[in-house]
Amino acid sequence: MTTQTQAFALLPGDEFVELYKVLKVQGLVNGGGDAKHVITEGQVTVNGEIDTRKRKKCIVGDVISFNGANIEIVAAQ
């Protein structure tokens, strides 16, 4: 089974996005509090490794995985 990767485009002028915001904006959790909880519980991976930093700076090329979903950070269009 292959998992489809969704793209998360940075806003123009931004160099990074905080990890919890990716989960929140992509609708993978109900809100920022839920995002921070699943991150600290070790349920989220960044580039294949568990990362428990809620405010980790995700940059272009990073792939975030949570609950069967993969999100790749891409440059602003």
C-alpha atoms as a PDB file:
ATOM      1  CA  MET A   1       0.000   0.000   0.000  1.00  0.00           C
ATOM      2  CA  THR A   2       1.371   3.393  -0.951  1.00  0.00           C
ATOM      3  CA  THR A   3       0.714   6.508   1.042  1.00  0.00           C
ATOM      4  CA  GLN A   4       0.106   9.673  -0.903  1.00  0.00           C
ATOM      5  CA  THR A   5       2.175  12.694   0.031  1.00  0.00           C
ATOM      6  CA  GLN A   6       0.450  16.057   0.333  1.00  0.00           C
ATOM      7  CA  ALA A   7       2.312  19.295  -0.292  1.00  0.00           C
ATOM      8  CA  PHE A   8       2.448  22.101   2.273  1.00  0.00           C
ATOM      9  CA  ALA A   9       3.623  25.324   0.633  1.00  0.00           C
ATOM     10  CA  LEU A  10       5.445  27.869   2.757  1.00  0.00           C
ATOM     11  CA  LEU A  11       4.109  31.400   2.648  1.00  0.00           C
ATOM     12  CA  PRO A  12       6.075  33.790   0.422  1.00  0.00           C
ATOM     13  CA  GLY A  13       9.055  35.112   2.374  1.00  0.00           C
ATOM     14  CA  ASP A  14       8.961  32.311   4.972  1.00  0.00           C
ATOM     15  CA  GLU A  15      11.953  29.997   5.358  1.00  0.00           C
ATOM     16  CA  PHE A  16      10.259  27.539   7.730  1.00  0.00           C
ATOM     17  CA  VAL A  17       7.002  26.538   9.412  1.00  0.00           C
ATOM     18  CA  GLU A  18       6.662  25.164  12.944  1.00  0.00           C
ATOM     19  CA  LEU A  19       5.792  21.467  13.128  1.00  0.00           C
ATOM     20  CA  TYR A  20       2.577  21.817  15.121  1.00  0.00           C
ATOM     21  CA  LYS A  21       1.236  24.352  12.596  1.00  0.00           C
ATOM     22  CA  VAL A  22       1.623  21.869   9.740  1.00  0.00           C
ATOM     23  CA  LEU A  23      -0.609  19.332  11.500  1.00  0.00           C
ATOM     24  CA  LYS A  24      -3.140  22.012  12.425  1.00  0.00           C
ATOM     25  CA  VAL A  25      -3.366  23.676   9.006  1.00  0.00           C
ATOM     26  CA  GLN A  26      -3.533  20.347   7.148  1.00  0.00           C
ATOM     27  CA  GLY A  27      -6.513  19.372   9.315  1.00  0.00           C
ATOM     28  CA  LEU A  28      -4.845  16.267  10.749  1.00  0.00           C
ATOM     29  CA  VAL A  29      -5.782  17.355  14.295  1.00  0.00           C
ATOM     30  CA  ASN A  30      -8.587  19.438  15.793  1.00  0.00           C
ATOM     31  CA  GLY A  31      -6.356  22.324  16.831  1.00  0.00           C
ATOM     32  CA  GLY A  32      -2.981  23.502  18.010  1.00  0.00           C
ATOM     33  CA  GLY A  33      -3.360  21.907  21.432  1.00  0.00           C
ATOM     34  CA  ASP A  34      -4.061  18.510  19.892  1.00  0.00           C
ATOM     35  CA  ALA A  35      -1.114  18.932  17.531  1.00  0.00           C
ATOM     36  CA  LYS A  36       1.250  19.692  20.405  1.00  0.00           C
ATOM     37  CA  HIS A  37      -0.057  16.674  22.332  1.00  0.00           C
ATOM     38  CA  VAL A  38       0.484  14.120  19.539  1.00  0.00           C
ATOM     39  CA  ILE A  39       3.948  15.550  18.875  1.00  0.00           C
ATOM     40  CA  THR A  40       5.062  15.275  22.512  1.00  0.00           C
ATOM     41  CA  GLU A  41       3.602  11.742  22.635  1.00  0.00           C
ATOM     42  CA  GLY A  42       6.014  10.718  19.838  1.00  0.00           C
ATOM     43  CA  GLN A  43       3.330  10.078  17.222  1.00  0.00           C
ATOM     44  CA  VAL A  44       4.862  12.359  14.572  1.00  0.00           C
ATOM     45  CA  THR A  45       7.951  11.754  12.450  1.00  0.00           C
ATOM     46  CA  VAL A  46      10.022  14.226  10.486  1.00  0.00           C
ATOM     47  CA  ASN A  47      12.111  12.700   7.712  1.00  0.00           C
ATOM     48  CA  GLY A  48      11.484   9.231   9.141  1.00  0.00           C
ATOM     49  CA  GLU A  49      12.535   9.989  12.726  1.00  0.00           C
ATOM     50  CA  ILE A  50      10.306  10.703  15.724  1.00  0.00           C
ATOM     51  CA  ASP A  51      10.541  14.362  16.683  1.00  0.00           C
ATOM     52  CA  THR A  52       8.960  15.642  19.894  1.00  0.00           C
ATOM     53  CA  ARG A  53       9.760  19.345  19.353  1.00  0.00           C
ATOM     54  CA  LYS A  54       6.440  21.140  18.886  1.00  0.00           C
ATOM     55  CA  ARG A  55       8.086  24.211  17.421  1.00  0.00           C
ATOM     56  CA  LYS A  56      10.621  22.386  15.248  1.00  0.00           C
ATOM     57  CA  LYS A  57      11.393  24.512  12.216  1.00  0.00           C
ATOM     58  CA  CYS A  58      10.335  22.488   9.177  1.00  0.00           C
ATOM     59  CA  ILE A  59      12.051  23.587   5.975  1.00  0.00           C
ATOM     60  CA  VAL A  60      11.632  22.842   2.268  1.00  0.00           C
ATOM     61  CA  GLY A  61      12.136  19.144   1.611  1.00  0.00           C
ATOM     62  CA  ASP A  62      11.121  17.942   5.096  1.00  0.00           C
ATOM     63  CA  VAL A  63       8.500  15.177   5.136  1.00  0.00           C
ATOM     64  CA  ILE A  64       6.192  15.001   8.143  1.00  0.00           C
ATOM     65  CA  SER A  65       4.274  11.781   8.825  1.00  0.00           C
ATOM     66  CA  PHE A  66       1.336  11.356  11.179  1.00  0.00           C
ATOM     67  CA  ASN A  67      -1.522   8.874  11.344  1.00  0.00           C
ATOM     68  CA  GLY A  68      -0.886   7.490   7.840  1.00  0.00           C
ATOM     69  CA  ALA A  69      -0.538  10.903   6.175  1.00  0.00           C
ATOM     70  CA  ASN A  70       2.677  12.313   4.704  1.00  0.00           C
ATOM     71  CA  ILE A  71       3.164  16.043   4.173  1.00  0.00           C
ATOM     72  CA  GLU A  72       6.145  17.462   2.289  1.00  0.00           C
ATOM     73  CA  ILE A  73       7.198  21.064   2.845  1.00  0.00           C
ATOM     74  CA  VAL A  74       7.570  22.859  -0.493  1.00  0.00           C
ATOM     75  CA  ALA A  75       8.681  26.356  -1.476  1.00  0.00           C
ATOM     76  CA  ALA A  76       6.141  29.127  -1.951  1.00  0.00           C
ATOM     77  CA  GLN A  77       4.817  29.441  -5.485  1.00  0.00           C
END
